[in-house]
Amino acid sequence: MMKIGIITGSTRDSRVNLQVAEWVKSIAEKRTDADFELVDIKDYNLPKFNEPITAIMIRDYQASEAKPWSDKIDSLDGFIFVLAEYNKGITSGLKDAIDYLYQEWNNKAAGIVSYGSTLGVSAANDLRLILSVPKVATVGTQVAMNLFTDFQDMSKFNPAPFHQKTVIKLLDEVIAWSTALKTIR
């Protein structure tokens, strides 16, 4: 059974990101072909990336917070990134969380659920490029939501009903790709 992590992409106290991640998880949990787990990057309390040697070279993390993060990502077969768009890019917290690791990401699949004033499209494209370096294959289907129409007062998540079908298609692709990629890990 594939283990898929639904990774939050924001660590701000006032974030709406967790609401979106919980919604994705509620849809995913209706499936029987994979196990889904909410992975909140805020819980790992990772400091700004400042390792003396990058993870692509060695898996010897100096920050004590990096070891539990490494173990969690290593245990998963694929990911759904719930992505808030800040200034047309991904958040610094998510970028640091990705940069802390390398081998743990390799040969796994990911899907993207994004939101922002322009659907989070720029941030999603940014994330696709970033994930290509640690060899994460991103699926084509993306859930893209509008901060003005899928949220009340930009603070309470209220997605349009049609997004659910896109989430299901995204999950189908992530599970299929995760299953295929497991054969080469």
N, C-alpha and C. Protein backbone atom coordinates (compact mmCIF):
# COMPACT_ATOMS: atom_id res chain seq x y z
N MET A 1 0.85 -1.19 0.00
CA MET A 1 0.00 0.00 0.00
C MET A 1 0.89 1.24 0.00
N MET A 2 0.63 2.14 -0.91
CA MET A 2 1.40 3.38 -1.01
C MET A 2 1.11 4.28 0.19
N LYS A 3 2.14 4.96 0.66
CA LYS A 3 2.01 5.94 1.74
C LYS A 3 2.24 7.32 1.14
N ILE A 4 1.20 8.15 1.17
CA ILE A 4 1.25 9.47 0.56
C ILE A 4 1.14 10.53 1.65
N GLY A 5 2.09 11.45 1.66
CA GLY A 5 2.07 12.55 2.62
C GLY A 5 1.44 13.79 2.00
N ILE A 6 0.51 14.37 2.70
CA ILE A 6 -0.10 15.64 2.29
C ILE A 6 0.65 16.72 3.06
N ILE A 7 1.53 17.41 2.35
CA ILE A 7 2.48 18.32 2.99
C ILE A 7 1.97 19.76 2.94
N THR A 8 1.89 20.38 4.10
CA THR A 8 1.50 21.78 4.16
C THR A 8 2.63 22.63 3.61
N GLY A 9 2.29 23.76 3.02
CA GLY A 9 3.31 24.59 2.41
C GLY A 9 3.50 25.93 3.09
N SER A 10 2.92 26.10 4.27
CA SER A 10 3.05 27.38 4.97
C SER A 10 3.21 27.13 6.46
N THR A 11 3.96 28.00 7.10
CA THR A 11 4.18 27.89 8.55
C THR A 11 3.67 29.10 9.31
N ARG A 12 3.06 30.04 8.61
CA ARG A 12 2.56 31.26 9.27
C ARG A 12 1.48 30.92 10.30
N ASP A 13 1.43 31.69 11.38
CA ASP A 13 0.39 31.49 12.38
C ASP A 13 -1.00 31.75 11.79
N SER A 14 -1.12 32.70 10.89
CA SER A 14 -2.43 33.06 10.33
C SER A 14 -2.73 32.32 9.02
N ARG A 15 -2.06 31.23 8.76
CA ARG A 15 -2.21 30.52 7.50
C ARG A 15 -3.60 29.88 7.34
N VAL A 16 -4.03 29.75 6.10
CA VAL A 16 -5.24 29.00 5.77
C VAL A 16 -4.85 27.65 5.16
N ASN A 17 -3.57 27.45 4.99
CA ASN A 17 -3.01 26.28 4.35
C ASN A 17 -3.47 24.98 4.99
N LEU A 18 -3.52 24.95 6.30
CA LEU A 18 -3.92 23.74 7.00
C LEU A 18 -5.37 23.36 6.68
N GLN A 19 -6.24 24.36 6.51
CA GLN A 19 -7.63 24.07 6.13
C GLN A 19 -7.70 23.35 4.79
N VAL A 20 -6.90 23.81 3.85
CA VAL A 20 -6.87 23.21 2.51
C VAL A 20 -6.32 21.79 2.60
N ALA A 21 -5.24 21.60 3.35
CA ALA A 21 -4.64 20.27 3.49
C ALA A 21 -5.62 19.29 4.14
N GLU A 22 -6.35 19.73 5.13
CA GLU A 22 -7.34 18.85 5.77
C GLU A 22 -8.46 18.49 4.81
N TRP A 23 -8.87 19.42 3.95
CA TRP A 23 -9.89 19.14 2.94
C TRP A 23 -9.38 18.08 1.96
N VAL A 24 -8.15 18.23 1.48
CA VAL A 24 -7.57 17.23 0.57
C VAL A 24 -7.54 15.87 1.27
N LYS A 25 -7.13 15.85 2.51
CA LYS A 25 -7.06 14.59 3.26
C LYS A 25 -8.44 13.96 3.40
N SER A 26 -9.48 14.77 3.62
CA SER A 26 -10.84 14.23 3.77
C SER A 26 -11.31 13.54 2.48
N ILE A 27 -10.89 14.04 1.35
CA ILE A 27 -11.21 13.40 0.07
C ILE A 27 -10.37 12.14 -0.11
N ALA A 28 -9.10 12.24 0.20
CA ALA A 28 -8.18 11.11 0.02
C ALA A 28 -8.54 9.93 0.91
N GLU A 29 -9.01 10.18 2.10
CA GLU A 29 -9.30 9.10 3.04
C GLU A 29 -10.46 8.22 2.60
N LYS A 30 -11.20 8.62 1.60
CA LYS A 30 -12.30 7.80 1.08
C LYS A 30 -11.76 6.68 0.18
N ARG A 31 -10.49 6.75 -0.14
CA ARG A 31 -9.87 5.76 -1.02
C ARG A 31 -9.36 4.57 -0.21
N THR A 32 -9.19 3.45 -0.91
CA THR A 32 -8.63 2.26 -0.26
C THR A 32 -7.33 1.80 -0.91
N ASP A 33 -6.82 2.57 -1.88
CA ASP A 33 -5.63 2.15 -2.61
C ASP A 33 -4.34 2.79 -2.11
N ALA A 34 -4.43 3.59 -1.04
CA ALA A 34 -3.24 4.21 -0.45
C ALA A 34 -3.58 4.69 0.95
N ASP A 35 -2.53 4.87 1.74
CA ASP A 35 -2.68 5.49 3.06
C ASP A 35 -2.23 6.93 2.95
N PHE A 36 -2.98 7.84 3.57
CA PHE A 36 -2.68 9.27 3.49
C PHE A 36 -2.43 9.81 4.88
N GLU A 37 -1.46 10.70 4.95
CA GLU A 37 -1.07 11.29 6.23
C GLU A 37 -0.82 12.77 6.03
N LEU A 38 -1.36 13.57 6.93
CA LEU A 38 -1.10 15.00 6.91
C LEU A 38 0.28 15.24 7.53
N VAL A 39 1.16 15.92 6.79
CA VAL A 39 2.51 16.22 7.26
C VAL A 39 2.62 17.74 7.30
N ASP A 40 2.54 18.28 8.50
CA ASP A 40 2.56 19.73 8.69
C ASP A 40 4.01 20.17 8.92
N ILE A 41 4.57 20.90 7.95
CA ILE A 41 5.98 21.30 8.09
C ILE A 41 6.19 22.16 9.33
N LYS A 42 5.15 22.84 9.78
CA LYS A 42 5.29 23.67 10.98
C LYS A 42 5.63 22.82 12.21
N ASP A 43 5.12 21.59 12.26
CA ASP A 43 5.39 20.70 13.40
C ASP A 43 6.86 20.33 13.53
N TYR A 44 7.62 20.42 12.45
CA TYR A 44 9.02 20.01 12.48
C TYR A 44 9.95 21.13 12.91
N ASN A 45 9.45 22.35 12.97
CA ASN A 45 10.20 23.48 13.49
C ASN A 45 11.61 23.58 12.90
N LEU A 46 11.69 23.36 11.59
CA LEU A 46 13.00 23.42 10.94
C LEU A 46 13.52 24.86 10.94
N PRO A 47 14.77 25.05 11.31
CA PRO A 47 15.35 26.40 11.22
C PRO A 47 15.62 26.74 9.76
N LYS A 48 15.98 27.98 9.50
CA LYS A 48 16.41 28.34 8.15
C LYS A 48 17.53 27.41 7.74
N PHE A 49 17.52 27.02 6.50
CA PHE A 49 18.54 26.08 6.02
C PHE A 49 19.93 26.68 6.18
N ASN A 50 20.78 25.96 6.92
CA ASN A 50 22.12 26.45 7.19
C ASN A 50 23.08 25.28 7.42
N GLU A 51 22.84 24.17 6.74
CA GLU A 51 23.71 23.01 6.88
C GLU A 51 25.08 23.31 6.25
N PRO A 52 26.16 22.83 6.85
CA PRO A 52 27.49 23.11 6.29
C PRO A 52 27.73 22.43 4.94
N ILE A 53 27.09 21.28 4.73
CA ILE A 53 27.22 20.55 3.47
C ILE A 53 25.81 20.24 2.98
N THR A 54 25.56 20.47 1.70
CA THR A 54 24.22 20.24 1.18
C THR A 54 23.87 18.76 1.19
N ALA A 55 22.59 18.48 1.28
CA ALA A 55 22.10 17.10 1.38
C ALA A 55 22.39 16.27 0.14
N ILE A 56 22.64 16.91 -0.98
CA ILE A 56 22.96 16.15 -2.19
C ILE A 56 24.30 15.43 -2.03
N MET A 57 25.15 15.94 -1.15
CA MET A 57 26.49 15.38 -0.95
C MET A 57 26.54 14.34 0.18
N ILE A 58 25.79 14.58 1.24
CA ILE A 58 25.90 13.74 2.43
C ILE A 58 24.60 13.78 3.22
N ARG A 59 24.29 12.71 3.87
CA ARG A 59 23.06 12.62 4.66
C ARG A 59 23.43 12.66 6.15
N ASP A 60 24.11 13.70 6.54
CA ASP A 60 24.59 13.87 7.91
C ASP A 60 24.15 15.25 8.38
N TYR A 61 22.92 15.34 8.85
CA TYR A 61 22.33 16.63 9.18
C TYR A 61 22.81 17.14 10.54
N GLN A 62 23.20 18.41 10.58
CA GLN A 62 23.68 19.02 11.81
C GLN A 62 22.53 19.56 12.66
N ALA A 63 21.48 20.05 12.02
CA ALA A 63 20.32 20.55 12.76
C ALA A 63 19.54 19.36 13.31
N SER A 64 19.33 19.34 14.62
CA SER A 64 18.63 18.21 15.23
C SER A 64 17.21 18.05 14.68
N GLU A 65 16.60 19.13 14.23
CA GLU A 65 15.24 19.08 13.70
C GLU A 65 15.18 18.37 12.35
N ALA A 66 16.30 18.29 11.67
CA ALA A 66 16.33 17.68 10.33
C ALA A 66 16.16 16.17 10.37
N LYS A 67 16.60 15.51 11.42
CA LYS A 67 16.52 14.04 11.49
C LYS A 67 15.08 13.54 11.48
N PRO A 68 14.18 14.06 12.33
CA PRO A 68 12.79 13.59 12.25
C PRO A 68 12.14 13.92 10.90
N TRP A 69 12.50 15.07 10.33
CA TRP A 69 12.00 15.44 9.01
C TRP A 69 12.47 14.44 7.96
N SER A 70 13.74 14.08 8.04
CA SER A 70 14.32 13.09 7.13
C SER A 70 13.59 11.75 7.25
N ASP A 71 13.38 11.31 8.47
CA ASP A 71 12.71 10.03 8.70
C ASP A 71 11.29 10.03 8.12
N LYS A 72 10.58 11.15 8.30
CA LYS A 72 9.21 11.24 7.80
C LYS A 72 9.16 11.17 6.28
N ILE A 73 9.97 11.99 5.62
CA ILE A 73 9.95 12.02 4.16
C ILE A 73 10.43 10.70 3.59
N ASP A 74 11.42 10.10 4.22
CA ASP A 74 11.94 8.81 3.79
C ASP A 74 10.86 7.73 3.84
N SER A 75 9.95 7.82 4.80
CA SER A 75 8.92 6.79 5.00
C SER A 75 7.78 6.87 3.99
N LEU A 76 7.73 7.93 3.21
CA LEU A 76 6.61 8.15 2.29
C LEU A 76 6.98 7.76 0.86
N ASP A 77 5.96 7.33 0.11
CA ASP A 77 6.14 6.95 -1.29
C ASP A 77 5.81 8.07 -2.26
N GLY A 78 5.03 9.04 -1.82
CA GLY A 78 4.63 10.14 -2.68
C GLY A 78 4.07 11.28 -1.85
N PHE A 79 3.75 12.37 -2.53
CA PHE A 79 3.38 13.59 -1.82
C PHE A 79 2.28 14.36 -2.55
N ILE A 80 1.50 15.06 -1.78
CA ILE A 80 0.61 16.10 -2.28
C ILE A 80 1.07 17.37 -1.56
N PHE A 81 1.55 18.34 -2.30
CA PHE A 81 1.97 19.60 -1.71
C PHE A 81 0.80 20.58 -1.77
N VAL A 82 0.44 21.11 -0.62
CA VAL A 82 -0.61 22.14 -0.54
C VAL A 82 0.12 23.46 -0.48
N LEU A 83 -0.01 24.21 -1.55
CA LEU A 83 0.89 25.30 -1.83
C LEU A 83 0.21 26.66 -1.80
N ALA A 84 0.64 27.49 -0.88
CA ALA A 84 0.21 28.89 -0.85
C ALA A 84 1.19 29.68 -1.72
N GLU A 85 0.67 30.61 -2.50
CA GLU A 85 1.54 31.44 -3.33
C GLU A 85 1.81 32.76 -2.63
N TYR A 86 3.09 33.03 -2.39
CA TYR A 86 3.51 34.30 -1.80
C TYR A 86 4.42 34.99 -2.80
N ASN A 87 4.06 36.17 -3.25
CA ASN A 87 4.89 36.93 -4.19
C ASN A 87 5.28 36.10 -5.41
N LYS A 88 4.32 35.34 -5.92
CA LYS A 88 4.48 34.52 -7.13
C LYS A 88 5.43 33.34 -6.95
N GLY A 89 5.72 32.97 -5.71
CA GLY A 89 6.61 31.83 -5.48
C GLY A 89 6.13 31.01 -4.30
N ILE A 90 6.93 29.99 -3.95
CA ILE A 90 6.61 29.17 -2.80
C ILE A 90 7.09 29.88 -1.53
N THR A 91 6.60 29.43 -0.40
CA THR A 91 6.99 30.04 0.86
C THR A 91 8.43 29.66 1.22
N SER A 92 9.06 30.50 2.02
CA SER A 92 10.43 30.20 2.45
C SER A 92 10.46 28.97 3.34
N GLY A 93 9.41 28.75 4.13
CA GLY A 93 9.36 27.57 4.99
C GLY A 93 9.35 26.28 4.19
N LEU A 94 8.58 26.25 3.11
CA LEU A 94 8.55 25.06 2.26
C LEU A 94 9.88 24.89 1.54
N LYS A 95 10.46 25.97 1.05
CA LYS A 95 11.74 25.87 0.34
C LYS A 95 12.82 25.31 1.27
N ASP A 96 12.86 25.79 2.50
CA ASP A 96 13.84 25.27 3.46
C ASP A 96 13.59 23.78 3.74
N ALA A 97 12.32 23.40 3.90
CA ALA A 97 11.99 22.00 4.18
C ALA A 97 12.45 21.09 3.04
N ILE A 98 12.30 21.54 1.82
CA ILE A 98 12.76 20.76 0.67
C ILE A 98 14.28 20.71 0.65
N ASP A 99 14.93 21.85 0.86
CA ASP A 99 16.39 21.94 0.76
C ASP A 99 17.12 21.12 1.82
N TYR A 100 16.50 20.88 2.96
CA TYR A 100 17.17 20.11 4.01
C TYR A 100 17.51 18.70 3.57
N LEU A 101 16.75 18.15 2.62
CA LEU A 101 16.89 16.75 2.25
C LEU A 101 17.24 16.61 0.77
N TYR A 102 17.66 15.42 0.40
CA TYR A 102 17.87 15.11 -1.01
C TYR A 102 17.46 13.66 -1.30
N GLN A 103 18.22 12.72 -0.78
CA GLN A 103 17.95 11.31 -1.07
C GLN A 103 16.54 10.88 -0.67
N GLU A 104 16.02 11.46 0.39
CA GLU A 104 14.70 11.09 0.88
C GLU A 104 13.59 11.42 -0.12
N TRP A 105 13.84 12.40 -0.99
CA TRP A 105 12.86 12.81 -2.01
C TRP A 105 12.98 11.98 -3.29
N ASN A 106 14.14 11.39 -3.53
CA ASN A 106 14.45 10.77 -4.82
C ASN A 106 13.45 9.73 -5.27
N ASN A 107 13.11 9.81 -6.58
CA ASN A 107 12.28 8.81 -7.25
C ASN A 107 10.93 8.60 -6.59
N LYS A 108 10.31 9.71 -6.25
CA LYS A 108 8.96 9.70 -5.71
C LYS A 108 8.11 10.67 -6.53
N ALA A 109 6.80 10.54 -6.41
CA ALA A 109 5.89 11.37 -7.19
C ALA A 109 5.21 12.40 -6.30
N ALA A 110 4.80 13.50 -6.93
CA ALA A 110 4.11 14.55 -6.19
C ALA A 110 3.01 15.19 -7.03
N GLY A 111 1.98 15.60 -6.34
CA GLY A 111 0.92 16.40 -6.93
C GLY A 111 0.89 17.74 -6.21
N ILE A 112 0.27 18.72 -6.87
CA ILE A 112 0.24 20.07 -6.31
C ILE A 112 -1.19 20.58 -6.22
N VAL A 113 -1.54 21.06 -5.03
CA VAL A 113 -2.79 21.77 -4.80
C VAL A 113 -2.37 23.19 -4.42
N SER A 114 -2.71 24.16 -5.27
CA SER A 114 -2.24 25.52 -5.04
C SER A 114 -3.41 26.49 -4.91
N TYR A 115 -3.10 27.62 -4.29
CA TYR A 115 -4.09 28.69 -4.19
C TYR A 115 -3.36 30.02 -4.07
N GLY A 116 -4.05 31.05 -4.50
CA GLY A 116 -3.51 32.39 -4.43
C GLY A 116 -4.40 33.33 -5.22
N SER A 117 -4.00 34.57 -5.31
CA SER A 117 -4.82 35.54 -6.04
C SER A 117 -4.88 35.22 -7.53
N THR A 118 -3.88 34.50 -8.04
CA THR A 118 -3.88 34.04 -9.42
C THR A 118 -3.77 32.51 -9.46
N LEU A 119 -4.49 31.86 -8.57
CA LEU A 119 -4.62 30.40 -8.48
C LEU A 119 -3.36 29.67 -8.02
N GLY A 120 -2.33 30.41 -7.67
CA GLY A 120 -1.10 29.78 -7.23
C GLY A 120 -0.30 29.16 -8.36
N VAL A 121 -0.60 29.54 -9.59
CA VAL A 121 0.04 28.93 -10.76
C VAL A 121 1.54 29.21 -10.80
N SER A 122 1.95 30.42 -10.53
CA SER A 122 3.38 30.74 -10.54
C SER A 122 4.14 29.96 -9.48
N ALA A 123 3.56 29.85 -8.31
CA ALA A 123 4.20 29.08 -7.24
C ALA A 123 4.28 27.60 -7.60
N ALA A 124 3.23 27.09 -8.22
CA ALA A 124 3.24 25.68 -8.63
C ALA A 124 4.33 25.43 -9.66
N ASN A 125 4.49 26.33 -10.61
CA ASN A 125 5.55 26.18 -11.60
C ASN A 125 6.92 26.27 -10.93
N ASP A 126 7.05 27.15 -9.95
CA ASP A 126 8.28 27.28 -9.17
C ASP A 126 8.58 25.96 -8.45
N LEU A 127 7.55 25.38 -7.83
CA LEU A 127 7.73 24.14 -7.09
C LEU A 127 8.12 22.99 -8.03
N ARG A 128 7.51 22.92 -9.19
CA ARG A 128 7.87 21.87 -10.15
C ARG A 128 9.36 21.92 -10.50
N LEU A 129 9.86 23.10 -10.72
CA LEU A 129 11.29 23.26 -11.04
C LEU A 129 12.16 22.86 -9.85
N ILE A 130 11.79 23.32 -8.67
CA ILE A 130 12.56 23.00 -7.46
C ILE A 130 12.59 21.49 -7.22
N LEU A 131 11.44 20.82 -7.37
CA LEU A 131 11.36 19.38 -7.10
C LEU A 131 12.09 18.55 -8.14
N SER A 132 12.36 19.11 -9.31
CA SER A 132 13.07 18.34 -10.33
C SER A 132 14.51 18.03 -9.91
N VAL A 133 15.10 18.87 -9.08
CA VAL A 133 16.49 18.64 -8.66
C VAL A 133 16.61 17.42 -7.75
N PRO A 134 15.77 17.27 -6.71
CA PRO A 134 15.87 16.04 -5.91
C PRO A 134 15.09 14.86 -6.51
N LYS A 135 14.83 14.93 -7.81
CA LYS A 135 14.26 13.82 -8.57
C LYS A 135 12.85 13.43 -8.12
N VAL A 136 12.01 14.44 -7.90
CA VAL A 136 10.60 14.20 -7.62
C VAL A 136 9.83 14.46 -8.91
N ALA A 137 9.06 13.47 -9.33
CA ALA A 137 8.26 13.59 -10.55
C ALA A 137 6.91 14.20 -10.20
N THR A 138 6.61 15.34 -10.78
CA THR A 138 5.32 15.99 -10.51
C THR A 138 4.32 15.59 -11.58
N VAL A 139 3.13 15.22 -11.15
CA VAL A 139 2.08 14.81 -12.08
C VAL A 139 1.50 16.04 -12.78
N GLY A 140 0.81 15.81 -13.88
CA GLY A 140 0.28 16.91 -14.67
C GLY A 140 -0.94 17.61 -14.08
N THR A 141 -1.83 16.85 -13.49
CA THR A 141 -3.04 17.44 -12.93
C THR A 141 -2.69 18.30 -11.73
N GLN A 142 -3.30 19.47 -11.67
CA GLN A 142 -3.08 20.38 -10.54
C GLN A 142 -4.42 20.96 -10.11
N VAL A 143 -4.63 21.04 -8.82
CA VAL A 143 -5.80 21.73 -8.28
C VAL A 143 -5.36 23.17 -8.02
N ALA A 144 -6.03 24.12 -8.65
CA ALA A 144 -5.66 25.54 -8.54
C ALA A 144 -6.88 26.33 -8.08
N MET A 145 -6.75 26.96 -6.93
CA MET A 145 -7.90 27.66 -6.33
C MET A 145 -7.62 29.14 -6.15
N ASN A 146 -8.70 29.91 -6.16
CA ASN A 146 -8.62 31.35 -6.09
C ASN A 146 -8.85 31.84 -4.67
N LEU A 147 -7.95 32.66 -4.21
CA LEU A 147 -8.04 33.21 -2.85
C LEU A 147 -9.32 34.04 -2.65
N PHE A 148 -9.85 34.60 -3.73
CA PHE A 148 -11.03 35.46 -3.61
C PHE A 148 -12.35 34.72 -3.74
N THR A 149 -12.35 33.58 -4.45
CA THR A 149 -13.62 32.86 -4.65
C THR A 149 -13.72 31.54 -3.89
N ASP A 150 -12.60 30.95 -3.52
CA ASP A 150 -12.62 29.69 -2.79
C ASP A 150 -12.39 29.87 -1.29
N PHE A 151 -12.32 31.11 -0.87
CA PHE A 151 -12.15 31.44 0.55
C PHE A 151 -13.11 32.58 0.89
N GLN A 152 -13.70 32.53 2.07
CA GLN A 152 -14.52 33.64 2.54
C GLN A 152 -13.60 34.59 3.30
N ASP A 153 -13.62 35.84 2.91
CA ASP A 153 -12.78 36.86 3.54
C ASP A 153 -11.30 36.46 3.57
N MET A 154 -10.90 35.68 2.60
CA MET A 154 -9.52 35.18 2.48
C MET A 154 -9.04 34.45 3.74
N SER A 155 -9.96 33.97 4.55
CA SER A 155 -9.54 33.30 5.79
C SER A 155 -10.26 31.99 6.06
N LYS A 156 -11.44 31.79 5.51
CA LYS A 156 -12.18 30.55 5.73
C LYS A 156 -12.31 29.83 4.39
N PHE A 157 -11.76 28.63 4.34
CA PHE A 157 -11.74 27.86 3.10
C PHE A 157 -13.13 27.35 2.77
N ASN A 158 -13.59 27.64 1.57
CA ASN A 158 -14.91 27.23 1.09
C ASN A 158 -14.78 26.93 -0.41
N PRO A 159 -14.23 25.76 -0.76
CA PRO A 159 -13.91 25.49 -2.16
C PRO A 159 -15.15 25.29 -3.02
N ALA A 160 -15.04 25.69 -4.27
CA ALA A 160 -16.10 25.40 -5.24
C ALA A 160 -16.20 23.87 -5.38
N PRO A 161 -17.41 23.34 -5.52
CA PRO A 161 -17.59 21.87 -5.58
C PRO A 161 -16.82 21.18 -6.70
N PHE A 162 -16.61 21.86 -7.83
CA PHE A 162 -15.93 21.21 -8.95
C PHE A 162 -14.49 20.83 -8.64
N HIS A 163 -13.88 21.43 -7.64
CA HIS A 163 -12.49 21.11 -7.30
C HIS A 163 -12.32 19.66 -6.84
N GLN A 164 -13.37 19.09 -6.26
CA GLN A 164 -13.27 17.73 -5.74
C GLN A 164 -12.91 16.73 -6.84
N LYS A 165 -13.49 16.86 -8.02
CA LYS A 165 -13.18 15.96 -9.14
C LYS A 165 -11.71 16.07 -9.53
N THR A 166 -11.18 17.28 -9.48
CA THR A 166 -9.77 17.47 -9.84
C THR A 166 -8.86 16.85 -8.79
N VAL A 167 -9.25 16.96 -7.52
CA VAL A 167 -8.47 16.32 -6.45
C VAL A 167 -8.43 14.81 -6.67
N ILE A 168 -9.56 14.22 -7.01
CA ILE A 168 -9.61 12.77 -7.24
C ILE A 168 -8.70 12.37 -8.39
N LYS A 169 -8.71 13.13 -9.47
CA LYS A 169 -7.83 12.85 -10.61
C LYS A 169 -6.37 13.00 -10.21
N LEU A 170 -6.06 14.03 -9.44
CA LEU A 170 -4.70 14.24 -8.94
C LEU A 170 -4.24 13.05 -8.10
N LEU A 171 -5.10 12.58 -7.21
CA LEU A 171 -4.77 11.43 -6.36
C LEU A 171 -4.54 10.19 -7.20
N ASP A 172 -5.38 9.97 -8.22
CA ASP A 172 -5.18 8.83 -9.12
C ASP A 172 -3.78 8.85 -9.71
N GLU A 173 -3.36 10.01 -10.20
CA GLU A 173 -2.05 10.13 -10.84
C GLU A 173 -0.91 9.96 -9.85
N VAL A 174 -1.02 10.56 -8.67
CA VAL A 174 0.05 10.44 -7.68
C VAL A 174 0.21 8.99 -7.23
N ILE A 175 -0.87 8.30 -7.03
CA ILE A 175 -0.79 6.89 -6.61
C ILE A 175 -0.18 6.03 -7.73
N ALA A 176 -0.62 6.25 -8.97
CA ALA A 176 -0.08 5.47 -10.09
C ALA A 176 1.42 5.72 -10.25
N TRP A 177 1.82 6.97 -10.24
CA TRP A 177 3.24 7.29 -10.41
C TRP A 177 4.06 6.82 -9.21
N SER A 178 3.53 6.95 -8.01
CA SER A 178 4.25 6.49 -6.81
C SER A 178 4.47 4.99 -6.87
N THR A 179 3.47 4.27 -7.33
CA THR A 179 3.57 2.82 -7.47
C THR A 179 4.65 2.46 -8.49
N ALA A 180 4.65 3.14 -9.61
CA ALA A 180 5.65 2.87 -10.66
C ALA A 180 7.06 3.22 -10.18
N LEU A 181 7.19 4.37 -9.54
CA LEU A 181 8.53 4.80 -9.10
C LEU A 181 9.10 3.95 -7.97
N LYS A 182 8.24 3.32 -7.19
CA LYS A 182 8.74 2.46 -6.11
C LYS A 182 9.60 1.32 -6.68
N THR A 183 9.33 0.92 -7.91
CA THR A 183 10.09 -0.18 -8.51
C THR A 183 11.55 0.18 -8.78
N ILE A 184 11.88 1.46 -8.83
CA ILE A 184 13.27 1.84 -9.08
C ILE A 184 13.98 2.41 -7.85
N ARG A 185 13.30 2.46 -6.73
CA ARG A 185 13.96 2.95 -5.50
C ARG A 185 14.68 1.82 -4.82
